[in-house]
PDB file of all heavy atoms in Angstrom:
ATOM      1  N   ILE A   1       0.843  -1.202   0.000  1.00  0.00           N
ATOM      2  CA  ILE A   1       0.000   0.000   0.000  1.00  0.00           C
ATOM      3  C   ILE A   1       0.877   1.251   0.000  1.00  0.00           C
ATOM      4  O   ILE A   1       0.618   2.218  -0.727  1.00  0.00           O
ATOM      5  CB  ILE A   1      -0.933   0.001   1.214  1.00  0.00           C
ATOM      6  CG1 ILE A   1      -1.986  -1.109   1.073  1.00  0.00           C
ATOM      7  CG2 ILE A   1      -1.618   1.356   1.385  1.00  0.00           C
ATOM      8  CD1 ILE A   1      -2.796  -1.344   2.329  1.00  0.00           C
ATOM      9  N   PHE A   2       1.919   1.241   0.808  1.00  0.00           N
ATOM     10  CA  PHE A   2       2.831   2.389   0.868  1.00  0.00           C
ATOM     11  C   PHE A   2       3.462   2.659  -0.492  1.00  0.00           C
ATOM     12  O   PHE A   2       3.501   3.811  -0.958  1.00  0.00           O
ATOM     13  CB  PHE A   2       3.922   2.141   1.907  1.00  0.00           C
ATOM     14  CG  PHE A   2       5.047   3.140   1.861  1.00  0.00           C
ATOM     15  CD1 PHE A   2       4.883   4.421   2.361  1.00  0.00           C
ATOM     16  CD2 PHE A   2       6.276   2.797   1.309  1.00  0.00           C
ATOM     17  CE1 PHE A   2       5.914   5.350   2.303  1.00  0.00           C
ATOM     18  CE2 PHE A   2       7.312   3.714   1.245  1.00  0.00           C
ATOM     19  CZ  PHE A   2       7.133   4.994   1.747  1.00  0.00           C
ATOM     20  N   LEU A   3       3.962   1.607  -1.145  1.00  0.00           N
ATOM     21  CA  LEU A   3       4.614   1.781  -2.440  1.00  0.00           C
ATOM     22  C   LEU A   3       3.640   2.321  -3.484  1.00  0.00           C
ATOM     23  O   LEU A   3       3.988   3.193  -4.286  1.00  0.00           O
ATOM     24  CB  LEU A   3       5.213   0.446  -2.904  1.00  0.00           C
ATOM     25  CG  LEU A   3       6.330  -0.122  -2.017  1.00  0.00           C
ATOM     26  CD1 LEU A   3       6.729  -1.505  -2.497  1.00  0.00           C
ATOM     27  CD2 LEU A   3       7.534   0.812  -1.979  1.00  0.00           C
ATOM     28  N   LYS A   4       2.421   1.828  -3.463  1.00  0.00           N
ATOM     29  CA  LYS A   4       1.401   2.321  -4.388  1.00  0.00           C
ATOM     30  C   LYS A   4       1.102   3.793  -4.138  1.00  0.00           C
ATOM     31  O   LYS A   4       1.012   4.604  -5.081  1.00  0.00           O
ATOM     32  CB  LYS A   4       0.129   1.495  -4.243  1.00  0.00           C
ATOM     33  CG  LYS A   4      -1.006   1.912  -5.169  1.00  0.00           C
ATOM     34  CD  LYS A   4      -2.242   1.042  -4.965  1.00  0.00           C
ATOM     35  CE  LYS A   4      -3.387   1.490  -5.859  1.00  0.00           C
ATOM     36  NZ  LYS A   4      -4.602   0.649  -5.649  1.00  0.00           N
ATOM     37  N   ASN A   5       0.956   4.168  -2.877  1.00  0.00           N
ATOM     38  CA  ASN A   5       0.655   5.565  -2.543  1.00  0.00           C
ATOM     39  C   ASN A   5       1.858   6.477  -2.734  1.00  0.00           C
ATOM     40  O   ASN A   5       1.702   7.703  -2.830  1.00  0.00           O
ATOM     41  CB  ASN A   5       0.134   5.659  -1.112  1.00  0.00           C
ATOM     42  CG  ASN A   5      -1.339   5.317  -1.013  1.00  0.00           C
ATOM     43  OD1 ASN A   5      -2.075   5.455  -1.991  1.00  0.00           O
ATOM     44  ND2 ASN A   5      -1.777   4.876   0.153  1.00  0.00           N
ATOM     45  N   LEU A   6       3.046   5.897  -2.776  1.00  0.00           N
ATOM     46  CA  LEU A   6       4.241   6.672  -3.074  1.00  0.00           C
ATOM     47  C   LEU A   6       4.285   7.012  -4.565  1.00  0.00           C
ATOM     48  O   LEU A   6       4.528   8.164  -4.955  1.00  0.00           O
ATOM     49  CB  LEU A   6       5.479   5.872  -2.667  1.00  0.00           C
ATOM     50  CG  LEU A   6       6.811   6.594  -2.523  1.00  0.00           C
ATOM     51  CD1 LEU A   6       6.717   7.723  -1.520  1.00  0.00           C
ATOM     52  CD2 LEU A   6       7.896   5.607  -2.124  1.00  0.00           C
ATOM     53  N   LYS A   7       4.022   6.015  -5.394  1.00  0.00           N
ATOM     54  CA  LYS A   7       4.097   6.213  -6.845  1.00  0.00           C
ATOM     55  C   LYS A   7       3.067   7.224  -7.337  1.00  0.00           C
ATOM     56  O   LYS A   7       3.334   7.976  -8.278  1.00  0.00           O
ATOM     57  CB  LYS A   7       3.903   4.872  -7.554  1.00  0.00           C
ATOM     58  CG  LYS A   7       5.032   3.882  -7.321  1.00  0.00           C
ATOM     59  CD  LYS A   7       4.696   2.507  -7.906  1.00  0.00           C
ATOM     60  CE  LYS A   7       5.792   1.500  -7.583  1.00  0.00           C
ATOM     61  NZ  LYS A   7       5.418   0.132  -8.069  1.00  0.00           N
ATOM     62  N   LYS A   8       1.892   7.254  -6.714  1.00  0.00           N
ATOM     63  CA  LYS A   8       0.840   8.138  -7.212  1.00  0.00           C
ATOM     64  C   LYS A   8       1.181   9.620  -7.033  1.00  0.00           C
ATOM     65  O   LYS A   8       0.631  10.482  -7.717  1.00  0.00           O
ATOM     66  CB  LYS A   8      -0.493   7.831  -6.530  1.00  0.00           C
ATOM     67  CG  LYS A   8      -0.647   8.379  -5.123  1.00  0.00           C
ATOM     68  CD  LYS A   8      -2.006   8.043  -4.536  1.00  0.00           C
ATOM     69  CE  LYS A   8      -2.207   8.687  -3.172  1.00  0.00           C
ATOM     70  NZ  LYS A   8      -3.496   8.265  -2.557  1.00  0.00           N
ATOM     71  N   ILE A   9       2.102   9.942  -6.114  1.00  0.00           N
ATOM     72  CA  ILE A   9       2.473  11.334  -5.874  1.00  0.00           C
ATOM     73  C   ILE A   9       3.121  11.940  -7.116  1.00  0.00           C
ATOM     74  O   ILE A   9       3.029  13.140  -7.355  1.00  0.00           O
ATOM     75  CB  ILE A   9       3.418  11.450  -4.657  1.00  0.00           C
ATOM     76  CG1 ILE A   9       2.800  10.773  -3.416  1.00  0.00           C
ATOM     77  CG2 ILE A   9       3.750  12.904  -4.356  1.00  0.00           C
ATOM     78  CD1 ILE A   9       1.445  11.300  -3.038  1.00  0.00           C
ATOM     79  N   LYS A  10       3.751  11.095  -7.929  1.00  0.00           N
ATOM     80  CA  LYS A  10       4.418  11.596  -9.128  1.00  0.00           C
ATOM     81  C   LYS A  10       3.450  12.266 -10.097  1.00  0.00           C
ATOM     82  O   LYS A  10       3.861  13.078 -10.918  1.00  0.00           O
ATOM     83  CB  LYS A  10       5.156  10.460  -9.825  1.00  0.00           C
ATOM     84  CG  LYS A  10       6.462  10.059  -9.172  1.00  0.00           C
ATOM     85  CD  LYS A  10       7.286   9.195 -10.101  1.00  0.00           C
ATOM     86  CE  LYS A  10       8.709   9.042  -9.613  1.00  0.00           C
ATOM     87  NZ  LYS A  10       9.570   8.374 -10.610  1.00  0.00           N
ATOM     88  N   ASP A  11       2.187  11.913 -10.038  1.00  0.00           N
ATOM     89  CA  ASP A  11       1.195  12.460 -10.965  1.00  0.00           C
ATOM     90  C   ASP A  11       0.476  13.685 -10.411  1.00  0.00           C
ATOM     91  O   ASP A  11      -0.472  14.173 -11.021  1.00  0.00           O
ATOM     92  CB  ASP A  11       0.155  11.387 -11.313  1.00  0.00           C
ATOM     93  CG  ASP A  11       0.772  10.175 -12.002  1.00  0.00           C
ATOM     94  OD1 ASP A  11       1.713  10.370 -12.796  1.00  0.00           O
ATOM     95  OD2 ASP A  11       0.317   9.040 -11.733  1.00  0.00           O
ATOM     96  N   MET A  12       0.908  14.193  -9.263  1.00  0.00           N
ATOM     97  CA  MET A  12       0.175  15.266  -8.593  1.00  0.00           C
ATOM     98  C   MET A  12       0.730  16.667  -8.856  1.00  0.00           C
ATOM     99  O   MET A  12       0.192  17.643  -8.360  1.00  0.00           O
ATOM    100  CB  MET A  12       0.134  14.998  -7.081  1.00  0.00           C
ATOM    101  CG  MET A  12      -0.780  13.859  -6.698  1.00  0.00           C
ATOM    102  SD  MET A  12      -0.664  13.345  -4.936  1.00  0.00           S
ATOM    103  CE  MET A  12      -0.739  14.897  -4.069  1.00  0.00           C
ATOM    104  N   ASN A  13       1.821  16.776  -9.570  1.00  0.00           N
ATOM    105  CA  ASN A  13       2.428  18.084  -9.849  1.00  0.00           C
ATOM    106  C   ASN A  13       2.767  18.829  -8.553  1.00  0.00           C
ATOM    107  O   ASN A  13       2.442  20.011  -8.375  1.00  0.00           O
ATOM    108  CB  ASN A  13       1.507  18.941 -10.724  1.00  0.00           C
ATOM    109  CG  ASN A  13       2.223  20.145 -11.331  1.00  0.00           C
ATOM    110  OD1 ASN A  13       3.435  20.120 -11.537  1.00  0.00           O
ATOM    111  ND2 ASN A  13       1.484  21.202 -11.607  1.00  0.00           N
ATOM    112  N   VAL A  14       3.442  18.110  -7.663  1.00  0.00           N
ATOM    113  CA  VAL A  14       3.860  18.690  -6.391  1.00  0.00           C
ATOM    114  C   VAL A  14       5.050  19.623  -6.619  1.00  0.00           C
ATOM    115  O   VAL A  14       6.012  19.262  -7.306  1.00  0.00           O
ATOM    116  CB  VAL A  14       4.241  17.573  -5.395  1.00  0.00           C
ATOM    117  CG1 VAL A  14       4.890  18.160  -4.144  1.00  0.00           C
ATOM    118  CG2 VAL A  14       3.014  16.757  -5.027  1.00  0.00           C
ATOM    119  N   LYS A  15       4.994  20.799  -6.014  1.00  0.00           N
ATOM    120  CA  LYS A  15       6.079  21.770  -6.140  1.00  0.00           C
ATOM    121  C   LYS A  15       6.804  22.003  -4.817  1.00  0.00           C
ATOM    122  O   LYS A  15       7.997  22.309  -4.806  1.00  0.00           O
ATOM    123  CB  LYS A  15       5.521  23.090  -6.672  1.00  0.00           C
ATOM    124  CG  LYS A  15       4.936  22.973  -8.077  1.00  0.00           C
ATOM    125  CD  LYS A  15       4.322  24.287  -8.531  1.00  0.00           C
ATOM    126  CE  LYS A  15       3.685  24.143  -9.913  1.00  0.00           C
ATOM    127  NZ  LYS A  15       3.000  25.396 -10.341  1.00  0.00           N
ATOM    128  N   THR A  16       6.095  21.899  -3.710  1.00  0.00           N
ATOM    129  CA  THR A  16       6.690  22.111  -2.389  1.00  0.00           C
ATOM    130  C   THR A  16       6.265  20.977  -1.470  1.00  0.00           C
ATOM    131  O   THR A  16       5.073  20.735  -1.302  1.00  0.00           O
ATOM    132  CB  THR A  16       6.234  23.455  -1.779  1.00  0.00           C
ATOM    133  OG1 THR A  16       6.574  24.516  -2.670  1.00  0.00           O
ATOM    134  CG2 THR A  16       6.905  23.687  -0.432  1.00  0.00           C
ATOM    135  N   VAL A  17       7.238  20.267  -0.900  1.00  0.00           N
ATOM    136  CA  VAL A  17       6.957  19.143  -0.005  1.00  0.00           C
ATOM    137  C   VAL A  17       7.280  19.553   1.427  1.00  0.00           C
ATOM    138  O   VAL A  17       8.407  19.947   1.723  1.00  0.00           O
ATOM    139  CB  VAL A  17       7.786  17.894  -0.376  1.00  0.00           C
ATOM    140  CG1 VAL A  17       7.407  16.721   0.515  1.00  0.00           C
ATOM    141  CG2 VAL A  17       7.594  17.531  -1.833  1.00  0.00           C
ATOM    142  N   LEU A  18       6.305  19.460   2.298  1.00  0.00           N
ATOM    143  CA  LEU A  18       6.484  19.764   3.711  1.00  0.00           C
ATOM    144  C   LEU A  18       6.327  18.469   4.492  1.00  0.00           C
ATOM    145  O   LEU A  18       5.228  17.953   4.653  1.00  0.00           O
ATOM    146  CB  LEU A  18       5.462  20.812   4.157  1.00  0.00           C
ATOM    147  CG  LEU A  18       5.468  22.118   3.336  1.00  0.00           C
ATOM    148  CD1 LEU A  18       4.416  23.090   3.866  1.00  0.00           C
ATOM    149  CD2 LEU A  18       6.848  22.771   3.331  1.00  0.00           C
ATOM    150  N   CYS A  19       7.455  17.925   4.946  1.00  0.00           N
ATOM    151  CA  CYS A  19       7.468  16.604   5.585  1.00  0.00           C
ATOM    152  C   CYS A  19       7.683  16.723   7.086  1.00  0.00           C
ATOM    153  O   CYS A  19       8.116  17.755   7.600  1.00  0.00           O
ATOM    154  CB  CYS A  19       8.534  15.710   4.959  1.00  0.00           C
ATOM    155  SG  CYS A  19      10.162  16.482   4.816  1.00  0.00           S
ATOM    156  N   GLY A  20       7.407  15.632   7.795  1.00  0.00           N
ATOM    157  CA  GLY A  20       7.336  15.658   9.250  1.00  0.00           C
ATOM    158  C   GLY A  20       8.655  15.704  10.001  1.00  0.00           C
ATOM    159  O   GLY A  20       8.679  16.076  11.166  1.00  0.00           O
ATOM    160  N   HIS A  21       9.759  15.329   9.335  1.00  0.00           N
ATOM    161  CA  HIS A  21      11.051  15.281  10.026  1.00  0.00           C
ATOM    162  C   HIS A  21      12.178  15.629   9.057  1.00  0.00           C
ATOM    163  O   HIS A  21      12.029  15.495   7.844  1.00  0.00           O
ATOM    164  CB  HIS A  21      11.316  13.890  10.604  1.00  0.00           C
ATOM    165  CG  HIS A  21      10.275  13.407  11.551  1.00  0.00           C
ATOM    166  ND1 HIS A  21      10.171  13.859  12.855  1.00  0.00           N
ATOM    167  CD2 HIS A  21       9.262  12.516  11.374  1.00  0.00           C
ATOM    168  CE1 HIS A  21       9.145  13.258  13.436  1.00  0.00           C
ATOM    169  NE2 HIS A  21       8.588  12.440  12.565  1.00  0.00           N
ATOM    170  N   ARG A  22      13.287  16.004   9.635  1.00  0.00           N
ATOM    171  CA  ARG A  22      14.512  16.295   8.913  1.00  0.00           C
ATOM    172  C   ARG A  22      14.329  17.450   7.927  1.00  0.00           C
ATOM    173  O   ARG A  22      13.339  18.163   7.958  1.00  0.00           O
ATOM    174  CB  ARG A  22      15.042  15.030   8.215  1.00  0.00           C
ATOM    175  CG  ARG A  22      15.243  13.839   9.160  1.00  0.00           C
ATOM    176  CD  ARG A  22      16.345  14.094  10.193  1.00  0.00           C
ATOM    177  NE  ARG A  22      16.473  13.031  11.159  1.00  0.00           N
ATOM    178  CZ  ARG A  22      17.314  11.992  11.041  1.00  0.00           C
ATOM    179  NH1 ARG A  22      18.056  11.876   9.964  1.00  0.00           N
ATOM    180  NH2 ARG A  22      17.394  11.087  12.000  1.00  0.00           N
ATOM    181  N   ALA A  23      15.312  17.620   7.044  1.00  0.00           N
ATOM    182  CA  ALA A  23      15.264  18.702   6.068  1.00  0.00           C
ATOM    183  C   ALA A  23      14.135  18.455   5.074  1.00  0.00           C
ATOM    184  O   ALA A  23      13.738  17.307   4.824  1.00  0.00           O
ATOM    185  CB  ALA A  23      16.599  18.795   5.334  1.00  0.00           C
ATOM    186  N   LEU A  24      13.615  19.539   4.511  1.00  0.00           N
ATOM    187  CA  LEU A  24      12.549  19.400   3.532  1.00  0.00           C
ATOM    188  C   LEU A  24      13.094  18.776   2.246  1.00  0.00           C
ATOM    189  O   LEU A  24      14.288  18.858   1.947  1.00  0.00           O
ATOM    190  CB  LEU A  24      11.915  20.760   3.256  1.00  0.00           C
ATOM    191  CG  LEU A  24      11.299  21.458   4.473  1.00  0.00           C
ATOM    192  CD1 LEU A  24      10.591  22.739   4.058  1.00  0.00           C
ATOM    193  CD2 LEU A  24      10.324  20.530   5.212  1.00  0.00           C
ATOM    194  N   VAL A  25      12.211  18.183   1.481  1.00  0.00           N
ATOM    195  CA  VAL A  25      12.583  17.448   0.271  1.00  0.00           C
ATOM    196  C   VAL A  25      12.625  18.419  -0.911  1.00  0.00           C
ATOM    197  O   VAL A  25      11.595  18.997  -1.279  1.00  0.00           O
ATOM    198  CB  VAL A  25      11.580  16.316  -0.014  1.00  0.00           C
ATOM    199  CG1 VAL A  25      11.908  15.620  -1.329  1.00  0.00           C
ATOM    200  CG2 VAL A  25      11.572  15.315   1.142  1.00  0.00           C
ATOM    201  N   PRO A  26      13.802  18.612  -1.555  1.00  0.00           N
ATOM    202  CA  PRO A  26      13.884  19.586  -2.648  1.00  0.00           C
ATOM    203  C   PRO A  26      13.276  19.102  -3.962  1.00  0.00           C
ATOM    204  O   PRO A  26      12.750  19.896  -4.739  1.00  0.00           O
ATOM    205  CB  PRO A  26      15.399  19.833  -2.792  1.00  0.00           C
ATOM    206  CG  PRO A  26      16.032  18.582  -2.265  1.00  0.00           C
ATOM    207  CD  PRO A  26      15.122  18.073  -1.182  1.00  0.00           C
ATOM    208  N   ASP A  27      13.369  17.798  -4.242  1.00  0.00           N
ATOM    209  CA  ASP A  27      12.864  17.232  -5.499  1.00  0.00           C
ATOM    210  C   ASP A  27      12.056  15.985  -5.173  1.00  0.00           C
ATOM    211  O   ASP A  27      12.611  14.929  -4.892  1.00  0.00           O
ATOM    212  CB  ASP A  27      14.032  16.892  -6.433  1.00  0.00           C
ATOM    213  CG  ASP A  27      13.586  16.442  -7.820  1.00  0.00           C
ATOM    214  OD1 ASP A  27      12.550  15.766  -7.922  1.00  0.00           O
ATOM    215  OD2 ASP A  27      14.281  16.764  -8.806  1.00  0.00           O
ATOM    216  N   VAL A  28      10.727  16.103  -5.204  1.00  0.00           N
ATOM    217  CA  VAL A  28       9.883  15.015  -4.728  1.00  0.00           C
ATOM    218  C   VAL A  28      10.003  13.773  -5.600  1.00  0.00           C
ATOM    219  O   VAL A  28      10.062  12.646  -5.088  1.00  0.00           O
ATOM    220  CB  VAL A  28       8.405  15.475  -4.620  1.00  0.00           C
ATOM    221  CG1 VAL A  28       7.824  15.806  -5.986  1.00  0.00           C
ATOM    222  CG2 VAL A  28       7.563  14.412  -3.922  1.00  0.00           C
ATOM    223  N   ASN A  29      10.064  13.924  -6.924  1.00  0.00           N
ATOM    224  CA  ASN A  29      10.137  12.751  -7.798  1.00  0.00           C
ATOM    225  C   ASN A  29      11.455  12.017  -7.647  1.00  0.00           C
ATOM    226  O   ASN A  29      11.498  10.777  -7.660  1.00  0.00           O
ATOM    227  CB  ASN A  29       9.918  13.156  -9.255  1.00  0.00           C
ATOM    228  CG  ASN A  29       8.475  13.527  -9.540  1.00  0.00           C
ATOM    229  OD1 ASN A  29       7.580  13.235  -8.750  1.00  0.00           O
ATOM    230  ND2 ASN A  29       8.231  14.190 -10.660  1.00  0.00           N
ATOM    231  N   GLU A  30      12.524  12.770  -7.468  1.00  0.00           N
ATOM    232  CA  GLU A  30      13.823  12.143  -7.240  1.00  0.00           C
ATOM    233  C   GLU A  30      13.822  11.373  -5.924  1.00  0.00           C
ATOM    234  O   GLU A  30      14.328  10.245  -5.851  1.00  0.00           O
ATOM    235  CB  GLU A  30      14.926  13.203  -7.220  1.00  0.00           C
ATOM    236  CG  GLU A  30      16.315  12.637  -6.981  1.00  0.00           C
ATOM    237  CD  GLU A  30      17.390  13.711  -6.932  1.00  0.00           C
ATOM    238  OE1 GLU A  30      17.046  14.906  -7.049  1.00  0.00           O
ATOM    239  OE2 GLU A  30      18.575  13.358  -6.774  1.00  0.00           O
ATOM    240  N   ARG A  31      13.226  11.957  -4.902  1.00  0.00           N
ATOM    241  CA  ARG A  31      13.194  11.278  -3.607  1.00  0.00           C
ATOM    242  C   ARG A  31      12.297  10.036  -3.657  1.00  0.00           C
ATOM    243  O   ARG A  31      12.630   9.005  -3.046  1.00  0.00           O
ATOM    244  CB  ARG A  31      12.688  12.246  -2.522  1.00  0.00           C
ATOM    245  CG  ARG A  31      12.724  11.651  -1.116  1.00  0.00           C
ATOM    246  CD  ARG A  31      14.107  11.170  -0.750  1.00  0.00           C
ATOM    247  NE  ARG A  31      14.155  10.527   0.561  1.00  0.00           N
ATOM    248  CZ  ARG A  31      15.035   9.584   0.901  1.00  0.00           C
ATOM    249  NH1 ARG A  31      15.952   9.190   0.016  1.00  0.00           N
ATOM    250  NH2 ARG A  31      15.016   9.061   2.113  1.00  0.00           N
ATOM    251  N   ILE A  32      11.193  10.098  -4.384  1.00  0.00           N
ATOM    252  CA  ILE A  32      10.333   8.928  -4.538  1.00  0.00           C
ATOM    253  C   ILE A  32      11.108   7.791  -5.198  1.00  0.00           C
ATOM    254  O   ILE A  32      11.037   6.630  -4.765  1.00  0.00           O
ATOM    255  CB  ILE A  32       9.073   9.284  -5.345  1.00  0.00           C
ATOM    256  CG1 ILE A  32       8.135  10.152  -4.500  1.00  0.00           C
ATOM    257  CG2 ILE A  32       8.345   8.018  -5.808  1.00  0.00           C
ATOM    258  CD1 ILE A  32       6.969  10.734  -5.269  1.00  0.00           C
ATOM    259  N   ASP A  33      11.871   8.103  -6.238  1.00  0.00           N
ATOM    260  CA  ASP A  33      12.668   7.073  -6.914  1.00  0.00           C
ATOM    261  C   ASP A  33      13.688   6.461  -5.961  1.00  0.00           C
ATOM    262  O   ASP A  33      13.933   5.244  -5.986  1.00  0.00           O
ATOM    263  CB  ASP A  33      13.381   7.669  -8.126  1.00  0.00           C
ATOM    264  CG  ASP A  33      12.435   7.960  -9.287  1.00  0.00           C
ATOM    265  OD1 ASP A  33      11.331   7.364  -9.314  1.00  0.00           O
ATOM    266  OD2 ASP A  33      12.796   8.779 -10.160  1.00  0.00           O
ATOM    267  N   GLU A  34      14.278   7.296  -5.107  1.00  0.00           N
ATOM    268  CA  GLU A  34      15.255   6.782  -4.139  1.00  0.00           C
ATOM    269  C   GLU A  34      14.589   5.837  -3.144  1.00  0.00           C
ATOM    270  O   GLU A  34      15.147   4.776  -2.794  1.00  0.00           O
ATOM    271  CB  GLU A  34      15.901   7.944  -3.397  1.00  0.00           C
ATOM    272  CG  GLU A  34      16.827   8.794  -4.250  1.00  0.00           C
ATOM    273  CD  GLU A  34      17.297  10.056  -3.552  1.00  0.00           C
ATOM    274  OE1 GLU A  34      16.769  10.372  -2.463  1.00  0.00           O
ATOM    275  OE2 GLU A  34      18.182  10.735  -4.096  1.00  0.00           O
ATOM    276  N   LEU A  35      13.388   6.195  -2.683  1.00  0.00           N
ATOM    277  CA  LEU A  35      12.681   5.342  -1.723  1.00  0.00           C
ATOM    278  C   LEU A  35      12.234   4.034  -2.361  1.00  0.00           C
ATOM    279  O   LEU A  35      12.327   2.960  -1.739  1.00  0.00           O
ATOM    280  CB  LEU A  35      11.475   6.100  -1.149  1.00  0.00           C
ATOM    281  CG  LEU A  35      11.820   7.245  -0.190  1.00  0.00           C
ATOM    282  CD1 LEU A  35      10.574   8.073   0.116  1.00  0.00           C
ATOM    283  CD2 LEU A  35      12.445   6.725   1.099  1.00  0.00           C
ATOM    284  N   LEU A  36      11.770   4.087  -3.595  1.00  0.00           N
ATOM    285  CA  LEU A  36      11.374   2.860  -4.296  1.00  0.00           C
ATOM    286  C   LEU A  36      12.568   1.933  -4.484  1.00  0.00           C
ATOM    287  O   LEU A  36      12.461   0.710  -4.277  1.00  0.00           O
ATOM    288  CB  LEU A  36      10.744   3.207  -5.648  1.00  0.00           C
ATOM    289  CG  LEU A  36       9.396   3.937  -5.610  1.00  0.00           C
ATOM    290  CD1 LEU A  36       8.999   4.380  -7.008  1.00  0.00           C
ATOM    291  CD2 LEU A  36       8.314   3.036  -5.013  1.00  0.00           C
ATOM    292  N   ALA A  37      13.704   2.513  -4.857  1.00  0.00           N
ATOM    293  CA  ALA A  37      14.919   1.710  -5.041  1.00  0.00           C
ATOM    294  C   ALA A  37      15.371   1.106  -3.715  1.00  0.00           C
ATOM    295  O   ALA A  37      15.822  -0.047  -3.667  1.00  0.00           O
ATOM    296  CB  ALA A  37      16.029   2.577  -5.639  1.00  0.00           C
ATOM    297  N   HIS A  38      15.237   1.873  -2.638  1.00  0.00           N
ATOM    298  CA  HIS A  38      15.600   1.363  -1.303  1.00  0.00           C
ATOM    299  C   HIS A  38      14.798   0.113  -0.962  1.00  0.00           C
ATOM    300  O   HIS A  38      15.357  -0.893  -0.503  1.00  0.00           O
ATOM    301  CB  HIS A  38      15.363   2.440  -0.249  1.00  0.00           C
ATOM    302  CG  HIS A  38      15.278   1.926   1.151  1.00  0.00           C
ATOM    303  ND1 HIS A  38      16.376   1.526   1.884  1.00  0.00           N
ATOM    304  CD2 HIS A  38      14.193   1.714   1.958  1.00  0.00           C
ATOM    305  CE1 HIS A  38      15.995   1.098   3.070  1.00  0.00           C
ATOM    306  NE2 HIS A  38      14.682   1.208   3.148  1.00  0.00           N
ATOM    307  N   HIS A  39      13.493   0.163  -1.187  1.00  0.00           N
ATOM    308  CA  HIS A  39      12.665  -0.997  -0.838  1.00  0.00           C
ATOM    309  C   HIS A  39      12.894  -2.170  -1.790  1.00  0.00           C
ATOM    310  O   HIS A  39      12.802  -3.333  -1.360  1.00  0.00           O
ATOM    311  CB  HIS A  39      11.193  -0.585  -0.787  1.00  0.00           C
ATOM    312  CG  HIS A  39      10.871   0.251   0.420  1.00  0.00           C
ATOM    313  ND1 HIS A  39      10.820  -0.270   1.694  1.00  0.00           N
ATOM    314  CD2 HIS A  39      10.623   1.581   0.550  1.00  0.00           C
ATOM    315  CE1 HIS A  39      10.542   0.686   2.562  1.00  0.00           C
ATOM    316  NE2 HIS A  39      10.420   1.816   1.893  1.00  0.00           N
ATOM    317  N   ASP A  40      13.218  -1.898  -3.031  1.00  0.00           N
ATOM    318  CA  ASP A  40      13.584  -2.988  -3.946  1.00  0.00           C
ATOM    319  C   ASP A  40      14.831  -3.708  -3.428  1.00  0.00           C
ATOM    320  O   ASP A  40      14.895  -4.947  -3.428  1.00  0.00           O
ATOM    321  CB  ASP A  40      13.852  -2.437  -5.352  1.00  0.00           C
ATOM    322  CG  ASP A  40      12.576  -2.117  -6.108  1.00  0.00           C
ATOM    323  OD1 ASP A  40      11.494  -2.598  -5.693  1.00  0.00           O
ATOM    324  OD2 ASP A  40      12.658  -1.392  -7.125  1.00  0.00           O
ATOM    325  N   ARG A  41      15.816  -2.938  -2.991  1.00  0.00           N
ATOM    326  CA  ARG A  41      17.038  -3.545  -2.443  1.00  0.00           C
ATOM    327  C   ARG A  41      16.747  -4.319  -1.170  1.00  0.00           C
ATOM    328  O   ARG A  41      17.275  -5.425  -0.967  1.00  0.00           O
ATOM    329  CB  ARG A  41      18.091  -2.460  -2.171  1.00  0.00           C
ATOM    330  CG  ARG A  41      18.667  -1.807  -3.408  1.00  0.00           C
ATOM    331  CD  ARG A  41      19.892  -0.968  -3.068  1.00  0.00           C
ATOM    332  NE  ARG A  41      19.582   0.107  -2.137  1.00  0.00           N
ATOM    333  CZ  ARG A  41      19.200   1.323  -2.505  1.00  0.00           C
ATOM    334  NH1 ARG A  41      19.062   1.619  -3.792  1.00  0.00           N
ATOM    335  NH2 ARG A  41      18.956   2.253  -1.594  1.00  0.00           N
ATOM    336  N   ARG A  42      15.909  -3.756  -0.309  1.00  0.00           N
ATOM    337  CA  ARG A  42      15.589  -4.419   0.956  1.00  0.00           C
ATOM    338  C   ARG A  42      14.864  -5.746   0.698  1.00  0.00           C
ATOM    339  O   ARG A  42      15.151  -6.770   1.341  1.00  0.00           O
ATOM    340  CB  ARG A  42      14.741  -3.478   1.821  1.00  0.00           C
ATOM    341  CG  ARG A  42      14.230  -4.034   3.139  1.00  0.00           C
ATOM    342  CD  ARG A  42      15.308  -4.424   4.119  1.00  0.00           C
ATOM    343  NE  ARG A  42      16.302  -3.401   4.355  1.00  0.00           N
ATOM    344  CZ  ARG A  42      16.154  -2.374   5.192  1.00  0.00           C
ATOM    345  NH1 ARG A  42      15.022  -2.200   5.838  1.00  0.00           N
ATOM    346  NH2 ARG A  42      17.133  -1.502   5.368  1.00  0.00           N
TER     347      ARG A  42
END
């Protein structure tokens, strides 16, 4: 479910991401790809 809801964000034309912890995300699509790759490796 998480992976599905992660992929759908790419179609939302997000420009500013305000997340709950750490530094804000500068490029949402790039970060989504990194998270997807992380879970593929795991």
